Amino acid sequence: MSAAWRGPLPERVEILPEIVPLRELVAKVTEKPATFQAPIGLNDIDRHPTLIDLEKQGPHFLLAGPPLSGKTTALRSLVL
């Protein structure tokens, strides 16, 4: 850390597990969605499931990220 830094230290970031079982992810969705939503992973901020709304967002969406960031895994989760 730089000697010039004078602010408070940031909170420690919890490392996500390498594999998040889809069964556990679906179990964390507590409310029944009003539209057709599918869990595709965990939100990196609050560790809650990230849902994609297939009715509102239509048949087309963009999934982008660096190599090994989980793009293929997210698509496979969506298909399941």
N, C-alpha and C. Protein backbone atom coordinates (compact mmCIF):
# COMPACT_ATOMS: atom_id res chain seq x y z
N MET A 1 0.85 -1.17 0.00
CA MET A 1 0.00 0.00 0.00
C MET A 1 0.89 1.23 0.00
N SER A 2 0.48 2.22 -0.75
CA SER A 2 1.25 3.45 -0.89
C SER A 2 1.31 4.22 0.43
N ALA A 3 2.43 4.87 0.67
CA ALA A 3 2.59 5.67 1.89
C ALA A 3 1.68 6.89 1.86
N ALA A 4 1.19 7.31 0.68
CA ALA A 4 0.34 8.49 0.55
C ALA A 4 -1.11 8.20 0.93
N TRP A 5 -1.49 6.95 1.04
CA TRP A 5 -2.88 6.60 1.37
C TRP A 5 -3.18 6.96 2.81
N ARG A 6 -4.22 7.77 3.03
CA ARG A 6 -4.54 8.22 4.37
C ARG A 6 -5.97 7.84 4.79
N GLY A 7 -6.74 7.30 3.88
CA GLY A 7 -8.13 6.97 4.19
C GLY A 7 -8.23 5.64 4.92
N PRO A 8 -9.45 5.27 5.30
CA PRO A 8 -9.65 3.98 5.97
C PRO A 8 -9.40 2.84 4.99
N LEU A 9 -8.98 1.72 5.52
CA LEU A 9 -8.75 0.56 4.68
C LEU A 9 -10.09 0.01 4.19
N PRO A 10 -10.14 -0.47 2.97
CA PRO A 10 -11.39 -1.05 2.47
C PRO A 10 -11.69 -2.36 3.19
N GLU A 11 -12.98 -2.73 3.17
CA GLU A 11 -13.37 -3.99 3.79
C GLU A 11 -12.78 -5.15 3.00
N ARG A 12 -12.54 -6.23 3.69
CA ARG A 12 -12.00 -7.42 3.05
C ARG A 12 -13.03 -8.01 2.10
N VAL A 13 -12.61 -8.40 0.92
CA VAL A 13 -13.50 -8.97 -0.08
C VAL A 13 -13.52 -10.48 0.08
N GLU A 14 -14.73 -11.04 0.21
CA GLU A 14 -14.88 -12.48 0.34
C GLU A 14 -14.63 -13.12 -1.02
N ILE A 15 -13.79 -14.12 -1.05
CA ILE A 15 -13.47 -14.81 -2.30
C ILE A 15 -14.62 -15.76 -2.62
N LEU A 16 -15.11 -15.68 -3.85
CA LEU A 16 -16.17 -16.58 -4.27
C LEU A 16 -15.63 -17.99 -4.44
N PRO A 17 -16.42 -18.99 -4.13
CA PRO A 17 -15.97 -20.36 -4.35
C PRO A 17 -15.79 -20.60 -5.85
N GLU A 18 -14.93 -21.53 -6.19
CA GLU A 18 -14.67 -21.80 -7.59
C GLU A 18 -15.91 -22.37 -8.28
N ILE A 19 -16.65 -23.20 -7.55
CA ILE A 19 -17.86 -23.80 -8.10
C ILE A 19 -19.03 -23.49 -7.17
N VAL A 20 -20.09 -22.93 -7.74
CA VAL A 20 -21.31 -22.67 -6.98
C VAL A 20 -22.37 -23.61 -7.53
N PRO A 21 -22.78 -24.62 -6.76
CA PRO A 21 -23.77 -25.57 -7.25
C PRO A 21 -25.09 -24.87 -7.60
N LEU A 22 -25.64 -25.20 -8.75
CA LEU A 22 -26.88 -24.57 -9.20
C LEU A 22 -28.02 -24.84 -8.22
N ARG A 23 -28.04 -26.01 -7.62
CA ARG A 23 -29.09 -26.36 -6.65
C ARG A 23 -29.07 -25.37 -5.47
N GLU A 24 -27.88 -25.02 -4.97
CA GLU A 24 -27.77 -24.05 -3.87
C GLU A 24 -28.18 -22.65 -4.33
N LEU A 25 -27.83 -22.32 -5.57
CA LEU A 25 -28.16 -21.01 -6.10
C LEU A 25 -29.68 -20.83 -6.21
N VAL A 26 -30.36 -21.84 -6.72
CA VAL A 26 -31.82 -21.78 -6.85
C VAL A 26 -32.47 -21.73 -5.47
N ALA A 27 -31.90 -22.43 -4.50
CA ALA A 27 -32.46 -22.43 -3.14
C ALA A 27 -32.37 -21.05 -2.49
N LYS A 28 -31.41 -20.22 -2.91
CA LYS A 28 -31.24 -18.88 -2.33
C LYS A 28 -32.25 -17.88 -2.88
N VAL A 29 -32.90 -18.20 -3.99
CA VAL A 29 -33.93 -17.30 -4.54
C VAL A 29 -35.15 -17.44 -3.65
N THR A 30 -35.42 -16.43 -2.84
CA THR A 30 -36.46 -16.54 -1.81
C THR A 30 -37.84 -16.17 -2.31
N GLU A 31 -37.94 -15.24 -3.25
CA GLU A 31 -39.24 -14.81 -3.73
C GLU A 31 -39.54 -15.45 -5.07
N LYS A 32 -40.80 -15.76 -5.29
CA LYS A 32 -41.19 -16.28 -6.59
C LYS A 32 -41.25 -15.10 -7.56
N PRO A 33 -40.46 -15.14 -8.63
CA PRO A 33 -40.45 -13.99 -9.55
C PRO A 33 -41.79 -13.84 -10.28
N ALA A 34 -42.15 -12.58 -10.59
CA ALA A 34 -43.40 -12.30 -11.29
C ALA A 34 -43.28 -12.67 -12.78
N THR A 35 -42.08 -12.63 -13.31
CA THR A 35 -41.85 -12.98 -14.71
C THR A 35 -40.87 -14.15 -14.76
N PHE A 36 -40.57 -14.61 -15.95
CA PHE A 36 -39.66 -15.74 -16.09
C PHE A 36 -38.22 -15.27 -15.88
N GLN A 37 -37.67 -15.59 -14.73
CA GLN A 37 -36.30 -15.21 -14.39
C GLN A 37 -35.50 -16.46 -14.11
N ALA A 38 -34.24 -16.42 -14.47
CA ALA A 38 -33.36 -17.56 -14.25
C ALA A 38 -32.12 -17.10 -13.50
N PRO A 39 -31.70 -17.82 -12.46
CA PRO A 39 -30.45 -17.47 -11.78
C PRO A 39 -29.27 -17.88 -12.65
N ILE A 40 -28.29 -16.98 -12.79
CA ILE A 40 -27.11 -17.29 -13.60
C ILE A 40 -25.81 -17.23 -12.82
N GLY A 41 -25.88 -16.84 -11.56
CA GLY A 41 -24.66 -16.77 -10.75
C GLY A 41 -24.88 -15.95 -9.49
N LEU A 42 -23.79 -15.66 -8.80
CA LEU A 42 -23.85 -14.84 -7.59
C LEU A 42 -23.38 -13.43 -7.88
N ASN A 43 -24.09 -12.46 -7.31
CA ASN A 43 -23.70 -11.07 -7.41
C ASN A 43 -22.40 -10.90 -6.63
N ASP A 44 -21.41 -10.24 -7.21
CA ASP A 44 -20.13 -10.12 -6.52
C ASP A 44 -20.12 -9.07 -5.41
N ILE A 45 -21.22 -8.33 -5.25
CA ILE A 45 -21.28 -7.32 -4.20
C ILE A 45 -21.90 -7.87 -2.93
N ASP A 46 -23.09 -8.47 -3.04
CA ASP A 46 -23.79 -8.93 -1.84
C ASP A 46 -23.95 -10.45 -1.77
N ARG A 47 -23.41 -11.17 -2.74
CA ARG A 47 -23.42 -12.64 -2.79
C ARG A 47 -24.82 -13.23 -2.91
N HIS A 48 -25.78 -12.44 -3.41
CA HIS A 48 -27.12 -12.94 -3.68
C HIS A 48 -27.18 -13.41 -5.13
N PRO A 49 -28.13 -14.29 -5.46
CA PRO A 49 -28.22 -14.75 -6.84
C PRO A 49 -28.49 -13.61 -7.81
N THR A 50 -27.84 -13.66 -8.95
CA THR A 50 -28.09 -12.73 -10.03
C THR A 50 -29.10 -13.38 -10.96
N LEU A 51 -30.20 -12.68 -11.19
CA LEU A 51 -31.27 -13.21 -12.02
C LEU A 51 -31.30 -12.47 -13.35
N ILE A 52 -31.60 -13.20 -14.42
CA ILE A 52 -31.81 -12.58 -15.71
C ILE A 52 -33.28 -12.76 -16.05
N ASP A 53 -33.93 -11.66 -16.41
CA ASP A 53 -35.36 -11.69 -16.74
C ASP A 53 -35.49 -11.88 -18.24
N LEU A 54 -35.87 -13.08 -18.64
CA LEU A 54 -35.93 -13.42 -20.05
C LEU A 54 -37.12 -12.77 -20.77
N GLU A 55 -38.17 -12.42 -20.04
CA GLU A 55 -39.31 -11.76 -20.67
C GLU A 55 -39.03 -10.28 -20.93
N LYS A 56 -38.45 -9.60 -19.95
CA LYS A 56 -38.18 -8.16 -20.10
C LYS A 56 -36.98 -7.90 -21.01
N GLN A 57 -35.95 -8.72 -20.90
CA GLN A 57 -34.73 -8.47 -21.64
C GLN A 57 -34.73 -9.13 -23.01
N GLY A 58 -35.81 -9.82 -23.32
CA GLY A 58 -35.97 -10.38 -24.64
C GLY A 58 -35.06 -11.55 -24.92
N PRO A 59 -35.10 -12.02 -26.16
CA PRO A 59 -34.32 -13.19 -26.50
C PRO A 59 -32.83 -12.88 -26.70
N HIS A 60 -32.47 -11.60 -26.72
CA HIS A 60 -31.08 -11.22 -26.98
C HIS A 60 -30.48 -10.52 -25.77
N PHE A 61 -29.28 -10.88 -25.41
CA PHE A 61 -28.55 -10.17 -24.37
C PHE A 61 -27.06 -10.38 -24.61
N LEU A 62 -26.26 -9.55 -24.00
CA LEU A 62 -24.82 -9.60 -24.16
C LEU A 62 -24.19 -10.10 -22.88
N LEU A 63 -23.30 -11.04 -23.01
CA LEU A 63 -22.56 -11.57 -21.87
C LEU A 63 -21.09 -11.36 -22.18
N ALA A 64 -20.45 -10.46 -21.45
CA ALA A 64 -19.06 -10.12 -21.74
C ALA A 64 -18.22 -10.25 -20.48
N GLY A 65 -16.95 -10.53 -20.66
CA GLY A 65 -16.03 -10.62 -19.54
C GLY A 65 -14.67 -11.12 -20.01
N PRO A 66 -13.68 -10.98 -19.16
CA PRO A 66 -12.34 -11.45 -19.53
C PRO A 66 -12.29 -12.98 -19.55
N PRO A 67 -11.22 -13.53 -20.11
CA PRO A 67 -11.08 -15.00 -20.11
C PRO A 67 -11.18 -15.56 -18.70
N LEU A 68 -11.81 -16.71 -18.58
CA LEU A 68 -11.97 -17.45 -17.32
C LEU A 68 -12.81 -16.69 -16.29
N SER A 69 -13.71 -15.81 -16.74
CA SER A 69 -14.54 -15.07 -15.79
C SER A 69 -15.90 -15.72 -15.56
N GLY A 70 -16.24 -16.77 -16.32
CA GLY A 70 -17.48 -17.50 -16.07
C GLY A 70 -18.55 -17.29 -17.11
N LYS A 71 -18.21 -16.79 -18.29
CA LYS A 71 -19.22 -16.56 -19.33
C LYS A 71 -19.90 -17.86 -19.75
N THR A 72 -19.11 -18.88 -20.06
CA THR A 72 -19.67 -20.16 -20.48
C THR A 72 -20.46 -20.80 -19.36
N THR A 73 -19.97 -20.73 -18.14
CA THR A 73 -20.68 -21.29 -16.99
C THR A 73 -22.01 -20.59 -16.79
N ALA A 74 -22.05 -19.27 -16.96
CA ALA A 74 -23.30 -18.53 -16.82
C ALA A 74 -24.30 -18.97 -17.88
N LEU A 75 -23.85 -19.16 -19.09
CA LEU A 75 -24.76 -19.62 -20.16
C LEU A 75 -25.26 -21.03 -19.89
N ARG A 76 -24.39 -21.89 -19.42
CA ARG A 76 -24.82 -23.25 -19.09
C ARG A 76 -25.84 -23.24 -17.96
N SER A 77 -25.63 -22.40 -16.96
CA SER A 77 -26.59 -22.28 -15.85
C SER A 77 -27.94 -21.80 -16.37
N LEU A 78 -27.91 -20.85 -17.31
CA LEU A 78 -29.14 -20.33 -17.88
C LEU A 78 -29.89 -21.44 -18.62
N VAL A 79 -29.19 -22.26 -19.36
CA VAL A 79 -29.82 -23.35 -20.09
C VAL A 79 -30.43 -24.37 -19.13
N LEU A 80 -29.71 -24.69 -18.06
CA LEU A 80 -30.24 -25.65 -17.08
C LEU A 80 -31.47 -25.10 -16.40
